[in-house]
Amino acid sequence: MIVGITGQTATGKTTLSNMFRKFGYTVFDADKVYNTLLKSNNNLQKELLTNFGSFDKKILLKLITDEPSLTNNLNEITHKYVIKEVLDFININNGQKIVLDVPIPVEKGFLDVSQIIIVTTCSHQEQIKRLMNRYNINQIQADERISLQKPIEKYLTIADIVVNTQNTTEKELIGFVKIFENTYMLH
């Protein structure tokens, strides 16, 4: 079974993925893979240097924050590298229970391989609070990061299950995974 977990930034994707990990799922964390690729993949680095003058994540973030129209170009370059990693991960872990933790639900390498898609949500204010704490940024910067993403409505259109992580405890998330296992997994 391949479970896709997606949602806007700071909505609890990684926290939920970690709960699945406790139940024996192998987790692909697209953010971690992306960060690794930025540091190690020469082809990606060359493409980013050619198109953006840098492959430094902070500089890229500032560029797309200042000029949101560049986001599609950045995604077009980076997604093909991450998608290759997703497909390799699935092949290597064939037959295992897999979770794909991805912030952007692309057609190839996520929607086409996920058997069930879970979208995480929480309030906009909670996202801002989480981002401010995570990155030590102010409210305006947090709001800018959220505004660069697809609107939550776009995520909800692909969801098989929606999990609101607003005030959810670890115990409640573990309970959700237990229910998920009993409902969707063949034993």
Foldseek 3Di string as FASTA:
>chain_A
DEEEEEEAAPQCLVVLVVLVVVVVADEDELVVVLVVCLVPPPVLQVVCCVVPVGSDPVSVVVVCLVPVVCVVVNCVSRVVVSLVVLVVVCVVQPPGHYYYRDHDQDVRSHVVPHPAYEYGHEDPVSQLVSCCVVPVDDSVVSVSSRVSGDPRVVVVVSHPHYHGVHPDDSVNSNVVVVVCCVPPPDD
